[in-house]
Amino acid sequence: MSHCTNTVVLERISDSDLRADSRAEWLAGEYRAGEYPTAHVHYDLTSGTFVVVAPQGGASA
């Protein structure tokens, strides 16, 4: 996640869930349709989680 600065973490999904990647992408889409139009997914190798993030401030950022 180092290439994104000043982000807010919206969701974390463990990669132990077999559908974690598709769930994270779906959640990012839901956030994009709402308050966070630039929400997207990163993978955190250190913790083994998919992380849905958005620039801090949501739609006004």
Protein backbone atom coordinates (compact mmCIF):
# COMPACT_ATOMS: atom_id res chain seq x y z
CA MET A 1 0.00 0.00 0.00
CA SER A 2 3.01 2.26 -0.12
CA HIS A 3 2.01 3.97 -3.38
CA CYS A 4 -1.17 5.40 -1.85
CA THR A 5 -0.79 8.24 0.60
CA ASN A 6 -3.29 9.73 3.01
CA THR A 7 -5.80 6.88 2.67
CA VAL A 8 -8.61 5.62 4.83
CA VAL A 9 -9.01 1.85 5.24
CA LEU A 10 -12.61 0.86 4.53
CA GLU A 11 -12.43 -2.94 4.82
CA ARG A 12 -9.89 -5.70 5.50
CA ILE A 13 -10.51 -9.25 4.31
CA SER A 14 -8.23 -12.12 5.20
CA ASP A 15 -6.86 -14.10 2.29
CA SER A 16 -7.80 -17.27 4.16
CA ASP A 17 -11.27 -16.73 2.70
CA LEU A 18 -11.22 -18.50 -0.67
CA ARG A 19 -13.24 -15.71 -2.26
CA ALA A 20 -11.46 -12.83 -0.52
CA ASP A 21 -10.22 -11.17 -3.70
CA SER A 22 -13.62 -11.13 -5.40
CA ARG A 23 -15.32 -10.04 -2.16
CA ALA A 24 -12.86 -7.16 -1.78
CA GLU A 25 -13.42 -6.06 -5.38
CA TRP A 26 -17.18 -6.22 -4.89
CA LEU A 27 -16.94 -4.14 -1.70
CA ALA A 28 -14.75 -1.57 -3.45
CA GLY A 29 -17.43 -1.31 -6.13
CA GLU A 30 -20.08 -0.73 -3.49
CA TYR A 31 -17.97 2.03 -1.93
CA ARG A 32 -17.36 3.58 -5.37
CA ALA A 33 -21.12 3.72 -5.92
CA GLY A 34 -21.48 5.62 -2.65
CA GLU A 35 -19.31 7.95 -0.64
CA TYR A 36 -15.88 6.84 -1.96
CA PRO A 37 -15.81 7.01 -5.79
CA THR A 38 -12.07 6.23 -5.89
CA ALA A 39 -12.14 3.19 -3.58
CA HIS A 40 -9.87 0.37 -4.70
CA VAL A 41 -8.21 -2.80 -3.43
CA HIS A 42 -4.66 -3.38 -2.29
CA TYR A 43 -3.10 -6.59 -1.06
CA ASP A 44 -1.15 -6.35 2.19
CA LEU A 45 1.48 -9.08 1.95
CA THR A 46 2.60 -8.58 5.54
CA SER A 47 -0.80 -9.38 7.06
CA GLY A 48 -2.19 -11.52 4.24
CA THR A 49 -5.25 -9.35 3.73
CA PHE A 50 -7.02 -7.62 0.91
CA VAL A 51 -7.59 -4.01 1.93
CA VAL A 52 -10.21 -1.72 0.45
CA VAL A 53 -8.90 1.85 0.63
CA ALA A 54 -9.86 5.32 -0.56
CA PRO A 55 -8.25 8.73 -0.39
CA GLN A 56 -9.05 10.42 2.90
CA GLY A 57 -12.09 12.63 2.64
CA GLY A 58 -14.20 10.46 0.35
CA ALA A 59 -15.93 12.23 -2.51
CA SER A 60 -14.58 15.63 -1.51
CA ALA A 61 -10.92 14.54 -1.74
